[in-house]
Amino acid sequence: MASAKPELYKRHISEQYNAELEDIRQRVLAMGGLVEQQVADAVRALLSLDKGLAAEVIERDRRVNGMEVQIDEECGRILARRQPAASDLRLVMACIKTITDLERIGDEAERVARMAADLAELELQRGPHTEVETLGAKVGEMLHRVLDAFARMDSEAAVDVSRSDRAVDREYEAILRQCITFMIEDPRSISRVLDIVWSIRSLERVGDHAKNIAEYIVFFVHGKDVRHFTVDDIAEEIRGED
């Protein structure tokens, strides 16, 4: 089966242990929800040059960091007290790895927000507005889908998310070419367009981190470390178990 549902981990005699495992999973999903909102708001601030919204994203990054620390500490306590094995250990490890990538996604959202604030000061008039909106939408959808896959521990859905990273990369490269053209045609725009370049780079990195989370889902469900596999190889590994 591609999904670990209906049971994400073995049931234990200790209901407290079951509750602890479920608690960290729910905390990861709550952190993911906050990070997803951060990305959406950062993109919106960039497109509308909304300094107020950008400031909110920057301020909320501290909450994201705090959630990572709390979840990491709880995972450490479970490892020390329960000494989990098999699927329980993989769940805890997947949670630890996932919150690291979520925290980094939060950092990328903060960078986009800072670029938005800078561009608002410069009153940028020219740029690939529609294309940036498209990239932001693709990245946001990718993040949403991988969090949904994590909630269900659905490895097939995770592989589909990994495939989406190719479209994100193509969109990023297309916008980058446009930005280079703008700077060549109007050297006075270089400082402004560079802020767009750093922003789209951050959005592309969000896609990379979402892909990492997809790989952790495959690790939990199948016990296979696929970090250096191609998407097609991962799909083949999963099919080979059916």
Protein backbone atom coordinates (compact mmCIF):
# COMPACT_ATOMS: atom_id res chain seq x y z
CA MET A 1 0.00 0.00 0.00
CA ALA A 2 1.20 3.52 -0.73
CA SER A 3 -0.41 5.02 2.35
CA ALA A 4 0.19 4.19 5.99
CA LYS A 5 -3.44 4.84 6.86
CA PRO A 6 -5.54 3.97 8.77
CA GLU A 7 -2.71 3.52 11.35
CA LEU A 8 0.31 5.77 11.14
CA TYR A 9 2.19 3.74 13.71
CA LYS A 10 1.75 0.60 15.80
CA ARG A 11 -0.76 0.72 18.61
CA HIS A 12 0.84 0.32 22.00
CA ILE A 13 -0.27 -0.93 25.37
CA SER A 14 0.69 2.49 26.69
CA GLU A 15 -2.01 4.94 25.60
CA GLN A 16 0.30 7.73 26.74
CA TYR A 17 2.89 6.62 24.18
CA ASN A 18 0.25 6.63 21.45
CA ALA A 19 -0.81 10.11 22.52
CA GLU A 20 2.78 11.37 22.43
CA LEU A 21 3.31 10.12 18.87
CA GLU A 22 0.04 11.62 17.70
CA ASP A 23 0.84 14.90 19.46
CA ILE A 24 4.10 15.43 17.61
CA ARG A 25 2.42 14.61 14.30
CA GLN A 26 -0.29 17.17 14.98
CA ARG A 27 2.28 19.75 16.02
CA VAL A 28 4.13 19.26 12.74
CA LEU A 29 0.90 19.79 10.82
CA ALA A 30 0.14 22.95 12.84
CA MET A 31 3.61 24.28 12.06
CA GLY A 32 3.07 23.39 8.42
CA GLY A 33 -0.18 25.35 8.38
CA LEU A 34 1.54 28.43 9.74
CA VAL A 35 4.39 28.12 7.26
CA GLU A 36 1.93 27.68 4.39
CA GLN A 37 0.24 30.95 5.43
CA GLN A 38 3.64 32.64 5.66
CA VAL A 39 4.45 31.72 2.06
CA ALA A 40 1.04 32.85 0.79
CA ASP A 41 1.27 36.18 2.62
CA ALA A 42 4.86 36.78 1.50
CA VAL A 43 3.87 36.27 -2.15
CA ARG A 44 0.86 38.53 -1.71
CA ALA A 45 3.06 41.21 -0.14
CA LEU A 46 5.50 40.93 -3.04
CA LEU A 47 2.80 41.23 -5.69
CA SER A 48 0.99 44.12 -4.02
CA LEU A 49 4.10 45.78 -2.54
CA ASP A 50 2.30 45.77 0.81
CA LYS A 51 4.82 46.85 3.46
CA GLY A 52 2.40 46.17 6.30
CA LEU A 53 1.78 42.59 5.26
CA ALA A 54 5.50 42.07 4.67
CA ALA A 55 6.17 43.27 8.22
CA GLU A 56 3.63 40.77 9.57
CA VAL A 57 5.36 37.90 7.77
CA ILE A 58 8.74 38.96 9.14
CA GLU A 59 7.37 39.21 12.68
CA ARG A 60 5.61 35.82 12.54
CA ASP A 61 8.83 34.03 11.60
CA ARG A 62 9.69 33.97 15.29
CA ARG A 63 6.61 31.81 15.90
CA VAL A 64 7.78 29.38 13.24
CA ASN A 65 11.21 29.17 14.85
CA GLY A 66 9.67 28.64 18.28
CA MET A 67 7.48 25.80 17.03
CA GLU A 68 10.50 24.06 15.52
CA VAL A 69 12.37 24.20 18.83
CA GLN A 70 9.39 22.90 20.82
CA ILE A 71 8.70 19.99 18.46
CA ASP A 72 12.38 19.09 18.28
CA GLU A 73 12.60 19.01 22.08
CA GLU A 74 9.52 16.80 22.33
CA CYS A 75 10.93 14.40 19.74
CA GLY A 76 14.14 14.24 21.75
CA ARG A 77 12.20 13.36 24.90
CA ILE A 78 10.36 10.57 23.08
CA LEU A 79 13.63 9.17 21.75
CA ALA A 80 15.16 9.22 25.22
CA ARG A 81 12.18 7.85 27.17
CA ARG A 82 10.56 5.47 24.73
CA GLN A 83 13.51 4.33 22.61
CA PRO A 84 11.18 3.78 19.63
CA ALA A 85 11.90 1.16 17.00
CA ALA A 86 10.72 0.34 13.47
CA SER A 87 7.88 2.54 12.21
CA ASP A 88 7.70 4.56 15.44
CA LEU A 89 11.35 5.54 15.07
CA ARG A 90 10.81 6.42 11.41
CA LEU A 91 7.85 8.62 12.36
CA VAL A 92 9.91 10.56 14.91
CA MET A 93 12.79 10.91 12.46
CA ALA A 94 10.43 12.04 9.69
CA CYS A 95 8.98 14.66 12.03
CA ILE A 96 12.43 15.96 13.01
CA LYS A 97 13.51 16.22 9.38
CA THR A 98 10.21 17.78 8.29
CA ILE A 99 10.27 20.58 10.85
CA THR A 100 13.79 21.46 9.75
CA ASP A 101 12.57 21.96 6.20
CA LEU A 102 9.46 23.81 7.39
CA GLU A 103 11.64 26.20 9.37
CA ARG A 104 13.75 26.82 6.27
CA ILE A 105 10.62 27.44 4.22
CA GLY A 106 9.67 30.00 6.86
CA ASP A 107 13.07 31.64 6.39
CA GLU A 108 12.51 31.82 2.64
CA ALA A 109 9.09 33.41 3.19
CA GLU A 110 10.71 35.98 5.45
CA ARG A 111 13.28 36.78 2.73
CA VAL A 112 10.51 37.28 0.16
CA ALA A 113 8.75 39.60 2.61
CA ARG A 114 11.93 41.63 3.10
CA MET A 115 12.35 41.95 -0.66
CA ALA A 116 8.72 43.06 -0.90
CA ALA A 117 9.35 45.78 1.66
CA ASP A 118 12.45 46.94 -0.25
CA LEU A 119 10.56 47.01 -3.56
CA ALA A 120 7.74 48.98 -1.96
CA GLU A 121 10.29 51.65 -1.05
CA LEU A 122 11.65 51.67 -4.61
CA GLU A 123 8.16 51.75 -6.16
CA LEU A 124 9.07 49.18 -8.79
CA GLN A 125 7.18 49.82 -12.00
CA ARG A 126 8.43 47.09 -14.28
CA GLY A 127 8.77 43.41 -13.65
CA PRO A 128 7.40 39.93 -14.40
CA HIS A 129 4.34 40.40 -12.17
CA THR A 130 2.13 37.74 -13.76
CA GLU A 131 4.93 35.19 -13.91
CA VAL A 132 5.85 35.71 -10.24
CA GLU A 133 2.20 35.24 -9.33
CA THR A 134 2.18 31.96 -11.28
CA LEU A 135 5.35 30.75 -9.57
CA GLY A 136 3.96 31.68 -6.16
CA ALA A 137 0.75 29.77 -6.88
CA LYS A 138 2.64 26.66 -8.00
CA VAL A 139 4.88 26.70 -4.95
CA GLY A 140 1.94 27.29 -2.62
CA GLU A 141 0.05 24.38 -4.14
CA MET A 142 3.10 22.14 -3.87
CA LEU A 143 3.49 22.96 -0.18
CA HIS A 144 -0.21 22.41 0.49
CA ARG A 145 -0.17 19.03 -1.24
CA VAL A 146 2.90 17.77 0.59
CA LEU A 147 1.39 18.75 3.95
CA ASP A 148 -1.77 16.87 2.98
CA ALA A 149 0.37 13.87 2.01
CA PHE A 150 2.14 14.11 5.39
CA ALA A 151 -1.20 14.17 7.22
CA ARG A 152 -2.19 10.92 5.49
CA MET A 153 1.35 9.57 5.11
CA ASP A 154 0.52 8.90 1.47
CA SER A 155 3.69 8.05 -0.43
CA GLU A 156 2.06 8.09 -3.88
CA ALA A 157 0.83 11.62 -3.28
CA ALA A 158 4.33 12.49 -2.06
CA VAL A 159 5.86 11.26 -5.33
CA ASP A 160 3.38 13.42 -7.27
CA VAL A 161 4.54 16.42 -5.25
CA SER A 162 8.15 15.62 -6.13
CA ARG A 163 7.25 15.63 -9.82
CA SER A 164 5.74 19.11 -9.44
CA ASP A 165 9.17 20.48 -8.57
CA ARG A 166 10.15 20.22 -12.23
CA ALA A 167 7.42 22.70 -13.22
CA VAL A 168 8.52 25.06 -10.44
CA ASP A 169 12.11 24.92 -11.67
CA ARG A 170 11.04 25.67 -15.26
CA GLU A 171 8.94 28.63 -14.13
CA TYR A 172 11.82 29.97 -12.05
CA GLU A 173 14.25 29.74 -14.97
CA ALA A 174 11.81 31.50 -17.30
CA ILE A 175 11.35 34.41 -14.88
CA LEU A 176 15.09 34.61 -14.33
CA ARG A 177 15.63 35.02 -18.08
CA GLN A 178 13.06 37.80 -18.14
CA CYS A 179 14.76 39.57 -15.28
CA ILE A 180 18.11 39.41 -17.05
CA THR A 181 16.49 40.93 -20.15
CA PHE A 182 15.01 43.78 -18.07
CA MET A 183 18.42 44.56 -16.57
CA ILE A 184 20.16 44.51 -19.97
CA GLU A 185 17.55 46.79 -21.53
CA ASP A 186 17.51 49.21 -18.60
CA PRO A 187 20.63 49.13 -16.41
CA ARG A 188 18.94 51.59 -14.03
CA SER A 189 16.56 48.79 -13.06
CA ILE A 190 19.30 46.42 -11.88
CA SER A 191 18.97 47.04 -8.13
CA ARG A 192 15.18 46.73 -8.28
CA VAL A 193 15.11 43.67 -10.50
CA LEU A 194 17.71 41.94 -8.33
CA ASP A 195 15.18 42.02 -5.48
CA ILE A 196 12.79 40.14 -7.77
CA VAL A 197 15.56 37.65 -8.59
CA TRP A 198 16.25 36.96 -4.90
CA SER A 199 12.52 36.60 -4.28
CA ILE A 200 11.95 34.03 -7.01
CA ARG A 201 15.04 32.18 -5.87
CA SER A 202 13.50 31.90 -2.42
CA LEU A 203 10.24 30.64 -3.91
CA GLU A 204 12.12 28.03 -5.92
CA ARG A 205 13.82 26.92 -2.70
CA VAL A 206 10.40 26.49 -1.06
CA GLY A 207 9.66 23.96 -3.79
CA ASP A 208 12.92 22.15 -3.03
CA HIS A 209 12.07 21.92 0.67
CA ALA A 210 8.58 20.62 -0.14
CA LYS A 211 10.22 17.94 -2.24
CA ASN A 212 12.44 17.02 0.72
CA ILE A 213 9.36 16.56 2.90
CA ALA A 214 7.88 14.29 0.23
CA GLU A 215 10.99 12.12 0.47
CA TYR A 216 10.62 11.86 4.26
CA ILE A 217 7.08 10.56 3.75
CA VAL A 218 8.41 7.83 1.48
CA PHE A 219 11.03 7.04 4.13
CA PHE A 220 8.37 6.65 6.81
CA VAL A 221 6.00 4.51 4.74
CA HIS A 222 8.57 2.29 3.02
CA GLY A 223 11.66 2.54 5.20
CA LYS A 224 13.74 3.64 2.20
CA ASP A 225 16.09 6.63 2.12
CA VAL A 226 15.38 8.11 -1.33
CA ARG A 227 17.06 11.49 -0.90
CA HIS A 228 19.41 10.93 -3.84
CA PHE A 229 16.96 9.11 -6.08
CA THR A 230 15.30 10.60 -9.14
CA VAL A 231 11.52 10.97 -8.99
CA ASP A 232 11.12 8.13 -11.49
CA ASP A 233 13.38 5.89 -9.41
CA ILE A 234 11.34 6.63 -6.29
CA ALA A 235 8.13 5.74 -8.11
CA GLU A 236 9.71 2.50 -9.31
CA GLU A 237 10.80 1.61 -5.77
CA ILE A 238 7.23 2.09 -4.53
CA ARG A 239 5.75 0.08 -7.36
CA GLY A 240 8.21 -2.72 -6.65
CA GLU A 241 6.62 -3.24 -3.22
CA ASP A 242 3.05 -3.55 -4.51
